[in-house]
């Protein structure tokens, strides 16, 4: 099947473009992001969860010097 170039695509024909996924360290001070996933050992994942870093949570970078862990 081909689509007529003069016809706008229907919503069923267009797949949504996923937002770009970047590491937290790539965000600048003041930028916001949503936690998509956490990767690490059991201890790290437990600590991050205890701090509130769970998938779906929006976070704001308060400070990022551009080097080292955040």
N, C-alpha and C. Protein backbone atom coordinates (compact mmCIF):
# COMPACT_ATOMS: atom_id res chain seq x y z
N UNK A 1 0.85 -1.16 0.00
CA UNK A 1 0.00 0.00 0.00
C UNK A 1 0.90 1.23 0.00
N UNK A 2 0.53 2.22 -0.74
CA UNK A 2 1.26 3.48 -0.75
C UNK A 2 0.32 4.58 -0.30
N UNK A 3 0.88 5.59 0.26
CA UNK A 3 0.09 6.72 0.74
C UNK A 3 0.22 7.85 -0.26
N UNK A 4 -0.89 8.51 -0.53
CA UNK A 4 -0.89 9.67 -1.41
C UNK A 4 -0.11 10.78 -0.71
N UNK A 5 0.90 11.34 -1.35
CA UNK A 5 1.69 12.39 -0.69
C UNK A 5 0.90 13.64 -0.36
N UNK A 6 -0.26 13.82 -0.97
CA UNK A 6 -1.09 14.99 -0.69
C UNK A 6 -2.05 14.76 0.48
N UNK A 7 -2.08 13.55 0.99
CA UNK A 7 -2.97 13.22 2.09
C UNK A 7 -2.17 13.19 3.38
N UNK A 8 -2.62 13.92 4.40
CA UNK A 8 -1.88 13.89 5.67
C UNK A 8 -1.95 12.49 6.27
N UNK A 9 -0.92 12.04 6.95
CA UNK A 9 -0.94 10.71 7.54
C UNK A 9 -1.94 10.63 8.68
N UNK A 10 -2.60 9.49 8.78
CA UNK A 10 -3.52 9.30 9.89
C UNK A 10 -2.72 8.91 11.12
N UNK A 11 -3.34 9.04 12.28
CA UNK A 11 -2.62 8.73 13.51
C UNK A 11 -2.24 7.26 13.59
N UNK A 12 -2.99 6.39 12.90
CA UNK A 12 -2.66 4.97 12.94
C UNK A 12 -1.46 4.64 12.07
N UNK A 13 -1.08 5.56 11.16
CA UNK A 13 0.03 5.30 10.26
C UNK A 13 1.35 5.86 10.80
N UNK A 14 1.27 6.75 11.76
CA UNK A 14 2.47 7.41 12.26
C UNK A 14 2.79 6.87 13.64
N UNK A 15 4.00 6.38 13.80
CA UNK A 15 4.40 5.92 15.13
C UNK A 15 5.04 7.10 15.86
N UNK A 16 4.75 7.23 17.16
CA UNK A 16 5.32 8.36 17.90
C UNK A 16 6.83 8.23 17.99
N UNK A 17 7.48 9.36 17.94
CA UNK A 17 8.94 9.39 18.06
C UNK A 17 9.28 9.36 19.55
N UNK A 18 10.02 8.35 19.99
CA UNK A 18 10.34 8.29 21.42
C UNK A 18 11.28 9.42 21.80
N UNK A 19 11.11 9.97 23.01
CA UNK A 19 12.04 11.02 23.44
C UNK A 19 13.43 10.43 23.58
N UNK A 20 14.42 11.26 23.43
CA UNK A 20 15.79 10.75 23.52
C UNK A 20 16.11 10.40 24.97
N UNK A 21 16.82 9.31 25.12
CA UNK A 21 17.24 8.85 26.44
C UNK A 21 18.71 9.19 26.60
N UNK A 22 19.02 9.93 27.65
CA UNK A 22 20.40 10.34 27.92
C UNK A 22 20.71 10.04 29.39
N UNK A 23 21.97 9.85 29.71
CA UNK A 23 22.32 9.65 31.12
C UNK A 23 22.13 10.95 31.90
N UNK A 24 21.88 10.82 33.17
CA UNK A 24 21.69 11.98 34.04
C UNK A 24 22.88 12.94 33.94
N UNK A 25 24.06 12.40 33.79
CA UNK A 25 25.27 13.24 33.72
C UNK A 25 25.30 14.13 32.48
N UNK A 26 24.46 13.84 31.47
CA UNK A 26 24.42 14.65 30.25
C UNK A 26 23.53 15.88 30.39
N UNK A 27 22.75 15.95 31.46
CA UNK A 27 21.88 17.10 31.67
C UNK A 27 22.66 18.23 32.33
N UNK A 28 22.33 19.44 31.95
CA UNK A 28 22.98 20.63 32.53
C UNK A 28 22.20 21.10 33.75
N UNK A 29 22.83 21.93 34.55
CA UNK A 29 22.19 22.50 35.72
C UNK A 29 20.88 23.18 35.31
N UNK A 30 19.81 22.85 36.02
CA UNK A 30 18.50 23.43 35.75
C UNK A 30 17.64 22.61 34.81
N UNK A 31 18.24 21.67 34.09
CA UNK A 31 17.45 20.85 33.17
C UNK A 31 16.69 19.78 33.94
N UNK A 32 15.57 19.36 33.35
CA UNK A 32 14.74 18.33 33.95
C UNK A 32 14.73 17.09 33.07
N UNK A 33 14.46 15.98 33.70
CA UNK A 33 14.35 14.73 32.97
C UNK A 33 13.48 13.77 33.76
N UNK A 34 13.09 12.70 33.11
CA UNK A 34 12.29 11.66 33.75
C UNK A 34 13.13 10.39 33.81
N UNK A 35 13.18 9.78 34.97
CA UNK A 35 13.93 8.55 35.15
C UNK A 35 13.26 7.45 34.33
N UNK A 36 14.03 6.83 33.44
CA UNK A 36 13.50 5.76 32.60
C UNK A 36 13.89 4.40 33.17
N UNK A 37 15.15 4.27 33.54
CA UNK A 37 15.62 3.02 34.11
C UNK A 37 16.85 3.27 34.97
N UNK A 38 17.13 2.33 35.85
CA UNK A 38 18.32 2.37 36.68
C UNK A 38 19.12 1.11 36.40
N UNK A 39 20.42 1.25 36.33
CA UNK A 39 21.28 0.10 36.11
C UNK A 39 22.34 0.08 37.19
N UNK A 40 22.55 -1.07 37.79
CA UNK A 40 23.58 -1.19 38.81
C UNK A 40 23.34 -2.43 39.65
N UNK A 41 24.17 -2.58 40.63
CA UNK A 41 24.04 -3.71 41.55
C UNK A 41 22.90 -3.51 42.52
N UNK A 42 22.64 -4.55 43.30
CA UNK A 42 21.52 -4.53 44.24
C UNK A 42 21.66 -3.39 45.25
N UNK A 43 22.87 -3.16 45.75
CA UNK A 43 23.09 -2.09 46.72
C UNK A 43 22.81 -0.71 46.14
N UNK A 44 23.32 -0.46 44.94
CA UNK A 44 23.09 0.83 44.30
C UNK A 44 21.61 1.04 44.00
N UNK A 45 20.97 0.01 43.47
CA UNK A 45 19.55 0.14 43.13
C UNK A 45 18.70 0.38 44.38
N UNK A 46 19.06 -0.28 45.48
CA UNK A 46 18.34 -0.06 46.73
C UNK A 46 18.52 1.35 47.24
N UNK A 47 19.73 1.86 47.16
CA UNK A 47 20.02 3.23 47.63
C UNK A 47 19.31 4.26 46.76
N UNK A 48 19.36 4.08 45.44
CA UNK A 48 18.70 5.02 44.53
C UNK A 48 17.19 5.02 44.74
N UNK A 49 16.62 3.84 44.96
CA UNK A 49 15.19 3.74 45.23
C UNK A 49 14.85 4.45 46.55
N UNK A 50 15.69 4.26 47.56
CA UNK A 50 15.46 4.92 48.85
C UNK A 50 15.53 6.44 48.72
N UNK A 51 16.33 6.93 47.78
CA UNK A 51 16.44 8.37 47.56
C UNK A 51 15.31 8.91 46.67
N UNK A 52 14.47 8.01 46.14
CA UNK A 52 13.35 8.45 45.32
C UNK A 52 13.57 8.37 43.83
N UNK A 53 14.70 7.84 43.41
CA UNK A 53 14.97 7.69 41.98
C UNK A 53 14.32 6.40 41.50
N UNK A 54 13.09 6.51 41.04
CA UNK A 54 12.37 5.36 40.51
C UNK A 54 11.86 5.71 39.12
N UNK A 55 11.68 4.72 38.26
CA UNK A 55 11.20 5.01 36.90
C UNK A 55 9.89 5.80 36.92
N UNK A 56 9.85 6.84 36.08
CA UNK A 56 8.68 7.69 35.97
C UNK A 56 8.76 8.98 36.75
N UNK A 57 9.72 9.09 37.65
CA UNK A 57 9.86 10.28 38.48
C UNK A 57 10.62 11.36 37.71
N UNK A 58 10.11 12.60 37.78
CA UNK A 58 10.81 13.72 37.16
C UNK A 58 11.86 14.26 38.13
N UNK A 59 13.05 14.51 37.61
CA UNK A 59 14.13 15.06 38.42
C UNK A 59 14.65 16.34 37.79
N UNK A 60 15.18 17.23 38.62
CA UNK A 60 15.80 18.47 38.17
C UNK A 60 17.25 18.46 38.62
N UNK A 61 18.17 18.74 37.71
CA UNK A 61 19.59 18.78 38.05
C UNK A 61 19.86 20.11 38.76
N UNK A 62 20.31 20.03 40.00
CA UNK A 62 20.61 21.24 40.77
C UNK A 62 22.03 21.72 40.53
N UNK A 63 22.93 20.78 40.27
CA UNK A 63 24.32 21.15 40.06
C UNK A 63 25.00 20.05 39.26
N UNK A 64 25.77 20.44 38.26
CA UNK A 64 26.53 19.48 37.45
C UNK A 64 27.81 20.18 37.01
N UNK A 65 28.92 19.74 37.58
CA UNK A 65 30.21 20.34 37.24
C UNK A 65 30.78 19.77 35.95
N UNK A 66 30.12 18.75 35.37
CA UNK A 66 30.59 18.18 34.12
C UNK A 66 31.67 17.14 34.26
N UNK A 67 31.96 16.75 35.48
CA UNK A 67 32.95 15.69 35.69
C UNK A 67 32.53 14.87 36.90
N UNK A 68 32.86 13.62 36.88
CA UNK A 68 32.56 12.75 38.02
C UNK A 68 31.10 12.40 38.12
N UNK A 69 30.75 11.59 39.11
CA UNK A 69 29.36 11.18 39.28
C UNK A 69 28.50 12.32 39.83
N UNK A 70 27.22 12.21 39.59
CA UNK A 70 26.29 13.24 40.09
C UNK A 70 25.73 12.81 41.42
